[in-house]
PDB file of N, CA and C in Angstrom:
ATOM      1  N   MET A   1     -18.417  23.543 -31.668  1.00  0.00           N
ATOM      2  CA  MET A   1     -18.428  22.120 -31.430  1.00  0.00           C
ATOM      3  C   MET A   1     -17.131  21.534 -32.009  1.00  0.00           C
ATOM      4  N   LYS A   2     -16.457  20.745 -31.204  1.00  0.00           N
ATOM      5  CA  LYS A   2     -15.216  20.095 -31.630  1.00  0.00           C
ATOM      6  C   LYS A   2     -15.546  18.900 -32.521  1.00  0.00           C
ATOM      7  N   LYS A   3     -14.969  18.891 -33.744  1.00  0.00           N
ATOM      8  CA  LYS A   3     -15.253  17.812 -34.690  1.00  0.00           C
ATOM      9  C   LYS A   3     -13.943  17.152 -35.108  1.00  0.00           C
ATOM     10  N   LYS A   4     -13.827  15.853 -34.806  1.00  0.00           N
ATOM     11  CA  LYS A   4     -12.632  15.087 -35.170  1.00  0.00           C
ATOM     12  C   LYS A   4     -12.638  14.820 -36.665  1.00  0.00           C
ATOM     13  N   MET A   5     -11.477  15.104 -37.298  1.00  0.00           N
ATOM     14  CA  MET A   5     -11.356  14.950 -38.743  1.00  0.00           C
ATOM     15  C   MET A   5     -10.535  13.728 -39.146  1.00  0.00           C
ATOM     16  N   LEU A   6      -9.504  13.405 -38.367  1.00  0.00           N
ATOM     17  CA  LEU A   6      -8.680  12.245 -38.719  1.00  0.00           C
ATOM     18  C   LEU A   6      -7.917  11.755 -37.510  1.00  0.00           C
ATOM     19  N   THR A   7      -7.485  10.498 -37.600  1.00  0.00           N
ATOM     20  CA  THR A   7      -6.650   9.886 -36.565  1.00  0.00           C
ATOM     21  C   THR A   7      -5.527   9.133 -37.253  1.00  0.00           C
ATOM     22  N   GLU A   8      -4.326   9.312 -36.739  1.00  0.00           N
ATOM     23  CA  GLU A   8      -3.144   8.601 -37.236  1.00  0.00           C
ATOM     24  C   GLU A   8      -2.554   7.802 -36.081  1.00  0.00           C
ATOM     25  N   PHE A   9      -1.849   6.699 -36.400  1.00  0.00           N
ATOM     26  CA  PHE A   9      -1.268   5.830 -35.388  1.00  0.00           C
ATOM     27  C   PHE A   9       0.223   5.677 -35.636  1.00  0.00           C
ATOM     28  N   GLY A  10       0.982   5.502 -34.553  1.00  0.00           N
ATOM     29  CA  GLY A  10       2.417   5.326 -34.699  1.00  0.00           C
ATOM     30  C   GLY A  10       2.993   4.414 -33.631  1.00  0.00           C
ATOM     31  N   LEU A  11       4.193   3.925 -33.909  1.00  0.00           N
ATOM     32  CA  LEU A  11       4.931   3.048 -33.011  1.00  0.00           C
ATOM     33  C   LEU A  11       6.364   3.562 -32.918  1.00  0.00           C
ATOM     34  N   GLY A  12       6.894   3.617 -31.714  1.00  0.00           N
ATOM     35  CA  GLY A  12       8.283   4.018 -31.512  1.00  0.00           C
ATOM     36  C   GLY A  12       8.939   3.130 -30.481  1.00  0.00           C
ATOM     37  N   THR A  13      10.279   3.036 -30.561  1.00  0.00           N
ATOM     38  CA  THR A  13      11.007   2.176 -29.637  1.00  0.00           C
ATOM     39  C   THR A  13      12.227   2.876 -29.055  1.00  0.00           C
ATOM     40  N   SER A  14      12.654   2.378 -27.927  1.00  0.00           N
ATOM     41  CA  SER A  14      13.959   2.661 -27.343  1.00  0.00           C
ATOM     42  C   SER A  14      14.580   1.285 -27.123  1.00  0.00           C
ATOM     43  N   LEU A  15      15.574   0.978 -27.932  1.00  0.00           N
ATOM     44  CA  LEU A  15      16.080  -0.394 -27.964  1.00  0.00           C
ATOM     45  C   LEU A  15      16.867  -0.800 -26.727  1.00  0.00           C
ATOM     46  N   ARG A  16      17.707   0.094 -26.197  1.00  0.00           N
ATOM     47  CA  ARG A  16      18.595  -0.312 -25.093  1.00  0.00           C
ATOM     48  C   ARG A  16      18.612   0.628 -23.894  1.00  0.00           C
ATOM     49  N   ARG A  17      18.147   1.858 -24.057  1.00  0.00           N
ATOM     50  CA  ARG A  17      18.283   2.842 -22.980  1.00  0.00           C
ATOM     51  C   ARG A  17      17.066   2.924 -22.065  1.00  0.00           C
ATOM     52  N   GLN A  18      16.011   2.213 -22.375  1.00  0.00           N
ATOM     53  CA  GLN A  18      14.772   2.252 -21.595  1.00  0.00           C
ATOM     54  C   GLN A  18      14.291   3.694 -21.435  1.00  0.00           C
ATOM     55  N   ASP A  19      14.304   4.438 -22.564  1.00  0.00           N
ATOM     56  CA  ASP A  19      13.929   5.848 -22.587  1.00  0.00           C
ATOM     57  C   ASP A  19      12.497   5.971 -23.109  1.00  0.00           C
ATOM     58  N   TYR A  20      11.561   6.104 -22.183  1.00  0.00           N
ATOM     59  CA  TYR A  20      10.148   6.158 -22.540  1.00  0.00           C
ATOM     60  C   TYR A  20       9.804   7.414 -23.324  1.00  0.00           C
ATOM     61  N   THR A  21      10.470   8.515 -23.027  1.00  0.00           N
ATOM     62  CA  THR A  21      10.223   9.750 -23.768  1.00  0.00           C
ATOM     63  C   THR A  21      10.680   9.597 -25.210  1.00  0.00           C
ATOM     64  N   GLU A  22      11.888   9.083 -25.418  1.00  0.00           N
ATOM     65  CA  GLU A  22      12.401   8.920 -26.780  1.00  0.00           C
ATOM     66  C   GLU A  22      11.517   7.967 -27.593  1.00  0.00           C
ATOM     67  N   ALA A  23      11.093   6.873 -26.989  1.00  0.00           N
ATOM     68  CA  ALA A  23      10.197   5.949 -27.683  1.00  0.00           C
ATOM     69  C   ALA A  23       8.885   6.648 -28.049  1.00  0.00           C
ATOM     70  N   SER A  24       8.375   7.489 -27.159  1.00  0.00           N
ATOM     71  CA  SER A  24       7.122   8.215 -27.405  1.00  0.00           C
ATOM     72  C   SER A  24       7.285   9.240 -28.514  1.00  0.00           C
ATOM     73  N   VAL A  25       8.381   9.982 -28.493  1.00  0.00           N
ATOM     74  CA  VAL A  25       8.658  10.969 -29.554  1.00  0.00           C
ATOM     75  C   VAL A  25       8.781  10.254 -30.905  1.00  0.00           C
ATOM     76  N   ARG A  26       9.468   9.136 -30.926  1.00  0.00           N
ATOM     77  CA  ARG A  26       9.608   8.375 -32.172  1.00  0.00           C
ATOM     78  C   ARG A  26       8.250   7.883 -32.674  1.00  0.00           C
ATOM     79  N   ALA A  27       7.367   7.490 -31.766  1.00  0.00           N
ATOM     80  CA  ALA A  27       6.031   7.041 -32.166  1.00  0.00           C
ATOM     81  C   ALA A  27       5.222   8.191 -32.765  1.00  0.00           C
ATOM     82  N   VAL A  28       5.332   9.380 -32.179  1.00  0.00           N
ATOM     83  CA  VAL A  28       4.639  10.552 -32.719  1.00  0.00           C
ATOM     84  C   VAL A  28       5.161  10.867 -34.116  1.00  0.00           C
ATOM     85  N   LYS A  29       6.478  10.884 -34.267  1.00  0.00           N
ATOM     86  CA  LYS A  29       7.062  11.158 -35.583  1.00  0.00           C
ATOM     87  C   LYS A  29       6.652  10.094 -36.593  1.00  0.00           C
ATOM     88  N   ASN A  30       6.600   8.834 -36.166  1.00  0.00           N
ATOM     89  CA  ASN A  30       6.174   7.757 -37.045  1.00  0.00           C
ATOM     90  C   ASN A  30       4.768   8.017 -37.569  1.00  0.00           C
ATOM     91  N   ALA A  31       3.870   8.447 -36.698  1.00  0.00           N
ATOM     92  CA  ALA A  31       2.496   8.732 -37.114  1.00  0.00           C
ATOM     93  C   ALA A  31       2.433   9.941 -38.044  1.00  0.00           C
ATOM     94  N   LEU A  32       3.160  10.990 -37.703  1.00  0.00           N
ATOM     95  CA  LEU A  32       3.103  12.219 -38.498  1.00  0.00           C
ATOM     96  C   LEU A  32       3.738  12.064 -39.866  1.00  0.00           C
ATOM     97  N   TRP A  33       4.809  11.352 -39.935  1.00  0.00           N
ATOM     98  CA  TRP A  33       5.564  11.263 -41.180  1.00  0.00           C
ATOM     99  C   TRP A  33       4.952  10.263 -42.161  1.00  0.00           C
ATOM    100  N   HIS A  34       3.858   9.624 -41.762  1.00  0.00           N
ATOM    101  CA  HIS A  34       3.167   8.709 -42.669  1.00  0.00           C
ATOM    102  C   HIS A  34       2.212   9.418 -43.605  1.00  0.00           C
ATOM    103  N   ASN A  35       1.961  10.685 -43.367  1.00  0.00           N
ATOM    104  CA  ASN A  35       0.924  11.331 -44.156  1.00  0.00           C
ATOM    105  C   ASN A  35       1.370  12.703 -44.643  1.00  0.00           C
ATOM    106  N   SER A  36       0.634  13.185 -45.586  1.00  0.00           N
ATOM    107  CA  SER A  36       0.823  14.538 -46.084  1.00  0.00           C
ATOM    108  C   SER A  36      -0.564  15.114 -46.329  1.00  0.00           C
ATOM    109  N   ILE A  37      -1.334  15.163 -45.275  1.00  0.00           N
ATOM    110  CA  ILE A  37      -2.714  15.632 -45.369  1.00  0.00           C
ATOM    111  C   ILE A  37      -2.742  17.120 -45.033  1.00  0.00           C
ATOM    112  N   ASN A  38      -3.215  17.894 -45.951  1.00  0.00           N
ATOM    113  CA  ASN A  38      -3.324  19.343 -45.749  1.00  0.00           C
ATOM    114  C   ASN A  38      -4.714  19.672 -45.217  1.00  0.00           C
ATOM    115  N   LEU A  39      -5.008  19.149 -44.058  1.00  0.00           N
ATOM    116  CA  LEU A  39      -6.352  19.216 -43.497  1.00  0.00           C
ATOM    117  C   LEU A  39      -6.812  20.645 -43.275  1.00  0.00           C
ATOM    118  N   ALA A  40      -5.971  21.483 -42.702  1.00  0.00           N
ATOM    119  CA  ALA A  40      -6.374  22.871 -42.430  1.00  0.00           C
ATOM    120  C   ALA A  40      -6.748  23.587 -43.721  1.00  0.00           C
ATOM    121  N   GLU A  41      -5.933  23.395 -44.741  1.00  0.00           N
ATOM    122  CA  GLU A  41      -6.183  24.060 -46.012  1.00  0.00           C
ATOM    123  C   GLU A  41      -7.497  23.599 -46.645  1.00  0.00           C
ATOM    124  N   LEU A  42      -7.848  22.329 -46.463  1.00  0.00           N
ATOM    125  CA  LEU A  42      -9.100  21.813 -47.015  1.00  0.00           C
ATOM    126  C   LEU A  42     -10.312  22.570 -46.491  1.00  0.00           C
ATOM    127  N   PHE A  43     -10.194  23.062 -45.251  1.00  0.00           N
ATOM    128  CA  PHE A  43     -11.307  23.776 -44.626  1.00  0.00           C
ATOM    129  C   PHE A  43     -11.068  25.281 -44.580  1.00  0.00           C
ATOM    130  N   GLY A  44     -10.015  25.726 -45.271  1.00  0.00           N
ATOM    131  CA  GLY A  44      -9.723  27.160 -45.286  1.00  0.00           C
ATOM    132  C   GLY A  44      -9.371  27.709 -43.924  1.00  0.00           C
ATOM    133  N   ARG A  45      -8.722  26.903 -43.109  1.00  0.00           N
ATOM    134  CA  ARG A  45      -8.384  27.291 -41.738  1.00  0.00           C
ATOM    135  C   ARG A  45      -6.879  27.415 -41.588  1.00  0.00           C
ATOM    136  N   PRO A  46      -6.410  28.276 -40.693  1.00  0.00           N
ATOM    137  CA  PRO A  46      -4.973  28.311 -40.401  1.00  0.00           C
ATOM    138  C   PRO A  46      -4.553  27.040 -39.676  1.00  0.00           C
ATOM    139  N   LYS A  47      -3.323  26.606 -39.903  1.00  0.00           N
ATOM    140  CA  LYS A  47      -2.825  25.384 -39.262  1.00  0.00           C
ATOM    141  C   LYS A  47      -2.845  25.485 -37.743  1.00  0.00           C
ATOM    142  N   GLY A  48      -2.709  26.679 -37.241  1.00  0.00           N
ATOM    143  CA  GLY A  48      -2.737  26.884 -35.794  1.00  0.00           C
ATOM    144  C   GLY A  48      -4.070  26.558 -35.155  1.00  0.00           C
ATOM    145  N   ASP A  49      -5.136  26.470 -35.957  1.00  0.00           N
ATOM    146  CA  ASP A  49      -6.467  26.137 -35.430  1.00  0.00           C
ATOM    147  C   ASP A  49      -6.638  24.648 -35.140  1.00  0.00           C
ATOM    148  N   MET A  50      -5.714  23.827 -35.611  1.00  0.00           N
ATOM    149  CA  MET A  50      -5.858  22.382 -35.411  1.00  0.00           C
ATOM    150  C   MET A  50      -5.747  22.034 -33.931  1.00  0.00           C
ATOM    151  N   LEU A  51      -6.724  21.295 -33.449  1.00  0.00           N
ATOM    152  CA  LEU A  51      -6.704  20.772 -32.081  1.00  0.00           C
ATOM    153  C   LEU A  51      -6.165  19.352 -32.186  1.00  0.00           C
ATOM    154  N   ILE A  52      -5.007  19.123 -31.595  1.00  0.00           N
ATOM    155  CA  ILE A  52      -4.307  17.853 -31.757  1.00  0.00           C
ATOM    156  C   ILE A  52      -4.314  17.100 -30.439  1.00  0.00           C
ATOM    157  N   ASP A  53      -5.057  16.001 -30.395  1.00  0.00           N
ATOM    158  CA  ASP A  53      -5.110  15.152 -29.204  1.00  0.00           C
ATOM    159  C   ASP A  53      -4.160  13.981 -29.413  1.00  0.00           C
ATOM    160  N   VAL A  54      -3.200  13.857 -28.510  1.00  0.00           N
ATOM    161  CA  VAL A  54      -2.176  12.821 -28.608  1.00  0.00           C
ATOM    162  C   VAL A  54      -2.327  11.886 -27.416  1.00  0.00           C
ATOM    163  N   GLU A  55      -2.557  10.618 -27.689  1.00  0.00           N
ATOM    164  CA  GLU A  55      -2.605   9.620 -26.623  1.00  0.00           C
ATOM    165  C   GLU A  55      -1.405   8.701 -26.806  1.00  0.00           C
ATOM    166  N   VAL A  56      -0.603   8.609 -25.753  1.00  0.00           N
ATOM    167  CA  VAL A  56       0.620   7.812 -25.766  1.00  0.00           C
ATOM    168  C   VAL A  56       0.450   6.672 -24.777  1.00  0.00           C
ATOM    169  N   GLY A  57       0.765   5.460 -25.217  1.00  0.00           N
ATOM    170  CA  GLY A  57       0.720   4.305 -24.330  1.00  0.00           C
ATOM    171  C   GLY A  57       2.118   3.744 -24.126  1.00  0.00           C
ATOM    172  N   VAL A  58       2.590   3.749 -22.878  1.00  0.00           N
ATOM    173  CA  VAL A  58       3.880   3.158 -22.513  1.00  0.00           C
ATOM    174  C   VAL A  58       3.718   2.430 -21.189  1.00  0.00           C
ATOM    175  N   ALA A  59       4.643   1.528 -20.907  1.00  0.00           N
ATOM    176  CA  ALA A  59       4.573   0.736 -19.678  1.00  0.00           C
ATOM    177  C   ALA A  59       4.814   1.581 -18.430  1.00  0.00           C
ATOM    178  N   ASN A  60       5.541   2.695 -18.566  1.00  0.00           N
ATOM    179  CA  ASN A  60       5.831   3.562 -17.420  1.00  0.00           C
ATOM    180  C   ASN A  60       5.464   5.004 -17.773  1.00  0.00           C
ATOM    181  N   PRO A  61       4.179   5.365 -17.700  1.00  0.00           N
ATOM    182  CA  PRO A  61       3.738   6.698 -18.114  1.00  0.00           C
ATOM    183  C   PRO A  61       4.431   7.848 -17.381  1.00  0.00           C
ATOM    184  N   SER A  62       4.775   7.663 -16.128  1.00  0.00           N
ATOM    185  CA  SER A  62       5.386   8.762 -15.368  1.00  0.00           C
ATOM    186  C   SER A  62       6.804   9.093 -15.842  1.00  0.00           C
ATOM    187  N   ALA A  63       7.391   8.239 -16.664  1.00  0.00           N
ATOM    188  CA  ALA A  63       8.751   8.473 -17.158  1.00  0.00           C
ATOM    189  C   ALA A  63       8.778   9.265 -18.464  1.00  0.00           C
ATOM    190  N   VAL A  64       7.622   9.729 -18.931  1.00  0.00           N
ATOM    191  CA  VAL A  64       7.543  10.457 -20.205  1.00  0.00           C
ATOM    192  C   VAL A  64       7.513  11.964 -19.951  1.00  0.00           C
ATOM    193  N   ASP A  65       8.404  12.685 -20.639  1.00  0.00           N
ATOM    194  CA  ASP A  65       8.435  14.147 -20.585  1.00  0.00           C
ATOM    195  C   ASP A  65       7.500  14.673 -21.675  1.00  0.00           C
ATOM    196  N   VAL A  66       6.313  15.089 -21.279  1.00  0.00           N
ATOM    197  CA  VAL A  66       5.277  15.528 -22.210  1.00  0.00           C
ATOM    198  C   VAL A  66       5.732  16.728 -23.036  1.00  0.00           C
ATOM    199  N   SER A  67       6.528  17.606 -22.467  1.00  0.00           N
ATOM    200  CA  SER A  67       6.970  18.798 -23.206  1.00  0.00           C
ATOM    201  C   SER A  67       7.782  18.424 -24.450  1.00  0.00           C
ATOM    202  N   GLN A  68       8.525  17.325 -24.393  1.00  0.00           N
ATOM    203  CA  GLN A  68       9.283  16.896 -25.565  1.00  0.00           C
ATOM    204  C   GLN A  68       8.367  16.380 -26.673  1.00  0.00           C
ATOM    205  N   ILE A  69       7.259  15.796 -26.299  1.00  0.00           N
ATOM    206  CA  ILE A  69       6.283  15.342 -27.290  1.00  0.00           C
ATOM    207  C   ILE A  69       5.592  16.550 -27.917  1.00  0.00           C
ATOM    208  N   GLU A  70       5.182  17.498 -27.097  1.00  0.00           N
ATOM    209  CA  GLU A  70       4.534  18.706 -27.617  1.00  0.00           C
ATOM    210  C   GLU A  70       5.441  19.449 -28.590  1.00  0.00           C
ATOM    211  N   ALA A  71       6.740  19.427 -28.337  1.00  0.00           N
ATOM    212  CA  ALA A  71       7.697  20.157 -29.168  1.00  0.00           C
ATOM    213  C   ALA A  71       7.830  19.572 -30.577  1.00  0.00           C
ATOM    214  N   VAL A  72       7.357  18.358 -30.802  1.00  0.00           N
ATOM    215  CA  VAL A  72       7.433  17.737 -32.126  1.00  0.00           C
ATOM    216  C   VAL A  72       6.507  18.451 -33.116  1.00  0.00           C
ATOM    217  N   PHE A  73       5.411  19.022 -32.624  1.00  0.00           N
ATOM    218  CA  PHE A  73       4.393  19.609 -33.501  1.00  0.00           C
ATOM    219  C   PHE A  73       4.776  21.036 -33.896  1.00  0.00           C
ATOM    220  N   PRO A  74       4.933  21.282 -35.198  1.00  0.00           N
ATOM    221  CA  PRO A  74       5.333  22.616 -35.643  1.00  0.00           C
ATOM    222  C   PRO A  74       4.201  23.638 -35.586  1.00  0.00           C
ATOM    223  N   TYR A  75       2.960  23.184 -35.503  1.00  0.00           N
ATOM    224  CA  TYR A  75       1.808  24.077 -35.420  1.00  0.00           C
ATOM    225  C   TYR A  75       0.647  23.294 -34.835  1.00  0.00           C
ATOM    226  N   GLY A  76      -0.436  23.971 -34.604  1.00  0.00           N
ATOM    227  CA  GLY A  76      -1.586  23.333 -33.970  1.00  0.00           C
ATOM    228  C   GLY A  76      -1.492  23.457 -32.464  1.00  0.00           C
ATOM    229  N   GLN A  77      -2.481  22.903 -31.804  1.00  0.00           N
ATOM    230  CA  GLN A  77      -2.598  22.984 -30.350  1.00  0.00           C
ATOM    231  C   GLN A  77      -2.602  21.571 -29.768  1.00  0.00           C
ATOM    232  N   PRO A  78      -1.396  21.018 -29.525  1.00  0.00           N
ATOM    233  CA  PRO A  78      -1.347  19.640 -29.024  1.00  0.00           C
ATOM    234  C   PRO A  78      -1.707  19.524 -27.542  1.00  0.00           C
ATOM    235  N   THR A  79      -2.459  18.490 -27.235  1.00  0.00           N
ATOM    236  CA  THR A  79      -2.752  18.097 -25.866  1.00  0.00           C
ATOM    237  C   THR A  79      -2.323  16.638 -25.752  1.00  0.00           C
ATOM    238  N   VAL A  80      -1.402  16.364 -24.830  1.00  0.00           N
ATOM    239  CA  VAL A  80      -0.817  15.032 -24.718  1.00  0.00           C
ATOM    240  C   VAL A  80      -1.315  14.339 -23.451  1.00  0.00           C
ATOM    241  N   HIS A  81      -1.777  13.111 -23.616  1.00  0.00           N
ATOM    242  CA  HIS A  81      -2.184  12.265 -22.492  1.00  0.00           C
ATOM    243  C   HIS A  81      -1.344  10.993 -22.562  1.00  0.00           C
ATOM    244  N   VAL A  82      -0.647  10.687 -21.483  1.00  0.00           N
ATOM    245  CA  VAL A  82       0.171   9.476 -21.431  1.00  0.00           C
ATOM    246  C   VAL A  82      -0.541   8.472 -20.529  1.00  0.00           C
ATOM    247  N   VAL A  83      -0.738   7.269 -21.057  1.00  0.00           N
ATOM    248  CA  VAL A  83      -1.487   6.245 -20.342  1.00  0.00           C
ATOM    249  C   VAL A  83      -0.687   4.951 -20.280  1.00  0.00           C
ATOM    250  N   GLN A  84      -1.127   4.062 -19.429  1.00  0.00           N
ATOM    251  CA  GLN A  84      -0.523   2.736 -19.332  1.00  0.00           C
ATOM    252  C   GLN A  84      -0.763   1.984 -20.623  1.00  0.00           C
ATOM    253  N   GLY A  85       0.287   1.430 -21.202  1.00  0.00           N
ATOM    254  CA  GLY A  85       0.155   0.700 -22.456  1.00  0.00           C
ATOM    255  C   GLY A  85       1.524   0.332 -22.985  1.00  0.00           C
ATOM    256  N   GLY A  86       1.639   0.285 -24.294  1.00  0.00           N
ATOM    257  CA  GLY A  86       2.922  -0.061 -24.892  1.00  0.00           C
ATOM    258  C   GLY A  86       3.378  -1.441 -24.453  1.00  0.00           C
ATOM    259  N   LEU A  87       4.706  -1.613 -24.469  1.00  0.00           N
ATOM    260  CA  LEU A  87       5.241  -2.924 -24.125  1.00  0.00           C
ATOM    261  C   LEU A  87       6.711  -2.790 -23.770  1.00  0.00           C
ATOM    262  N   ASP A  88       7.130  -3.423 -22.698  1.00  0.00           N
ATOM    263  CA  ASP A  88       8.545  -3.566 -22.358  1.00  0.00           C
ATOM    264  C   ASP A  88       8.930  -5.011 -22.651  1.00  0.00           C
ATOM    265  N   ILE A  89       9.975  -5.193 -23.450  1.00  0.00           N
ATOM    266  CA  ILE A  89      10.396  -6.523 -23.853  1.00  0.00           C
ATOM    267  C   ILE A  89      11.724  -6.844 -23.177  1.00  0.00           C
ATOM    268  N   PRO A  90      11.758  -7.824 -22.276  1.00  0.00           N
ATOM    269  CA  PRO A  90      13.006  -8.166 -21.576  1.00  0.00           C
ATOM    270  C   PRO A  90      14.091  -8.602 -22.552  1.00  0.00           C
ATOM    271  N   ARG A  91      15.331  -8.331 -22.167  1.00  0.00           N
ATOM    272  CA  ARG A  91      16.485  -8.738 -22.974  1.00  0.00           C
ATOM    273  C   ARG A  91      17.132  -9.968 -22.346  1.00  0.00           C
ATOM    274  N   ASN A  92      17.600 -10.867 -23.174  1.00  0.00           N
ATOM    275  CA  ASN A  92      18.252 -12.083 -22.691  1.00  0.00           C
ATOM    276  C   ASN A  92      19.552 -11.799 -21.949  1.00  0.00           C
ATOM    277  N   ASP A  93      20.220 -10.697 -22.286  1.00  0.00           N
ATOM    278  CA  ASP A  93      21.504 -10.381 -21.655  1.00  0.00           C
ATOM    279  C   ASP A  93      21.350  -9.676 -20.304  1.00  0.00           C
ATOM    280  N   GLY A  94      20.120  -9.481 -19.853  1.00  0.00           N
ATOM    281  CA  GLY A  94      19.877  -8.855 -18.560  1.00  0.00           C
ATOM    282  C   GLY A  94      19.914  -7.338 -18.595  1.00  0.00           C
ATOM    283  N   GLY A  95      20.131  -6.742 -19.766  1.00  0.00           N
ATOM    284  CA  GLY A  95      20.155  -5.281 -19.897  1.00  0.00           C
ATOM    285  C   GLY A  95      18.760  -4.689 -19.812  1.00  0.00           C
ATOM    286  N   ASN A  96      18.700  -3.373 -19.982  1.00  0.00           N
ATOM    287  CA  ASN A  96      17.406  -2.693 -19.968  1.00  0.00           C
ATOM    288  C   ASN A  96      16.492  -3.294 -21.026  1.00  0.00           C
ATOM    289  N   PRO A  97      15.186  -3.376 -20.722  1.00  0.00           N
ATOM    290  CA  PRO A  97      14.270  -3.914 -21.723  1.00  0.00           C
ATOM    291  C   PRO A  97      14.128  -2.969 -22.913  1.00  0.00           C
ATOM    292  N   THR A  98      13.732  -3.523 -24.047  1.00  0.00           N
ATOM    293  CA  THR A  98      13.347  -2.701 -25.186  1.00  0.00           C
ATOM    294  C   THR A  98      11.968  -2.127 -24.882  1.00  0.00           C
ATOM    295  N   VAL A  99      11.822  -0.829 -25.078  1.00  0.00           N
ATOM    296  CA  VAL A  99      10.580  -0.120 -24.783  1.00  0.00           C
ATOM    297  C   VAL A  99       9.846   0.155 -26.088  1.00  0.00           C
ATOM    298  N   MET A 100       8.554  -0.171 -26.115  1.00  0.00           N
ATOM    299  CA  MET A 100       7.706   0.160 -27.253  1.00  0.00           C
ATOM    300  C   MET A 100       6.618   1.119 -26.792  1.00  0.00           C
ATOM    301  N   ALA A 101       6.436   2.193 -27.560  1.00  0.00           N
ATOM    302  CA  ALA A 101       5.378   3.171 -27.296  1.00  0.00           C
ATOM    303  C   ALA A 101       4.400   3.154 -28.461  1.00  0.00           C
ATOM    304  N   ASN A 102       3.119   3.228 -28.155  1.00  0.00           N
ATOM    305  CA  ASN A 102       2.071   3.342 -29.167  1.00  0.00           C
ATOM    306  C   ASN A 102       1.436   4.721 -29.040  1.00  0.00           C
ATOM    307  N   VAL A 103       1.077   5.299 -30.180  1.00  0.00           N
ATOM    308  CA  VAL A 103       0.508   6.641 -30.188  1.00  0.00           C
ATOM    309  C   VAL A 103      -0.699   6.684 -31.113  1.00  0.00           C
ATOM    310  N   ALA A 104      -1.717   7.418 -30.692  1.00  0.00           N
ATOM    311  CA  ALA A 104      -2.847   7.774 -31.547  1.00  0.00           C
ATOM    312  C   ALA A 104      -2.938   9.299 -31.537  1.00  0.00           C
ATOM    313  N   ILE A 105      -2.925   9.892 -32.726  1.00  0.00           N
ATOM    314  CA  ILE A 105      -3.007  11.349 -32.869  1.00  0.00           C
ATOM    315  C   ILE A 105      -4.299  11.659 -33.607  1.00  0.00           C
ATOM    316  N   SER A 106      -5.175  12.435 -32.972  1.00  0.00           N
ATOM    317  CA  SER A 106      -6.427  12.854 -33.603  1.00  0.00           C
ATOM    318  C   SER A 106      -6.397  14.353 -33.821  1.00  0.00           C
ATOM    319  N   VAL A 107      -6.842  14.777 -35.005  1.00  0.00           N
ATOM    320  CA  VAL A 107      -6.888  16.194 -35.337  1.00  0.00           C
ATOM    321  C   VAL A 107      -8.349  16.611 -35.465  1.00  0.00           C
ATOM    322  N   SER A 108      -8.669  17.691 -34.769  1.00  0.00           N
ATOM    323  CA  SER A 108     -10.042  18.219 -34.767  1.00  0.00           C
ATOM    324  C   SER A 108     -10.006  19.718 -35.024  1.00  0.00           C
ATOM    325  N   PHE A 109     -11.191  20.252 -35.329  1.00  0.00           N
ATOM    326  CA  PHE A 109     -11.391  21.698 -35.431  1.00  0.00           C
ATOM    327  C   PHE A 109     -12.647  22.054 -34.664  1.00  0.00           C
ATOM    328  N   GLU A 110     -12.677  23.273 -34.150  1.00  0.00           N
ATOM    329  CA  GLU A 110     -13.921  23.817 -33.621  1.00  0.00           C
ATOM    330  C   GLU A 110     -14.750  24.217 -34.834  1.00  0.00           C
ATOM    331  N   MET A 111     -15.924  23.636 -34.957  1.00  0.00           N
ATOM    332  CA  MET A 111     -16.798  23.885 -36.108  1.00  0.00           C
ATOM    333  C   MET A 111     -18.121  24.467 -35.617  1.00  0.00           C
ATOM    334  N   GLU A 112     -18.764  25.225 -36.470  1.00  0.00           N
ATOM    335  CA  GLU A 112     -20.086  25.746 -36.141  1.00  0.00           C
ATOM    336  C   GLU A 112     -21.090  24.609 -36.172  1.00  0.00           C
ATOM    337  N   GLY A 113     -22.079  24.694 -35.307  1.00  0.00           N
ATOM    338  CA  GLY A 113     -23.095  23.636 -35.217  1.00  0.00           C
ATOM    339  C   GLY A 113     -23.879  23.551 -36.442  1.00  0.00           C
TER     340      GLY A 113
END
């Protein structure tokens, strides 16, 4: 049975390039770098056993390269879902909008019933 142990949240931006992937990667790093939780060790499990569900919200989900998000995780089994969300903020100078990505990362383990 899959049991969720924790959820972390992050925010990332692309200020001028309208790069949804970069904003998403920054949001993932923002969430990860906020903590130092040794969750696997608490349960005597290898880090590779962590099931990592990543939900990314951006205004243009099809513009996100999921493989770049997966590459951020040094261990565990990430599954990335990109959905409509985040925020594009228009610029007064007519340039590309500022892109904001929101991320929720949940870590679970397969546990015995």
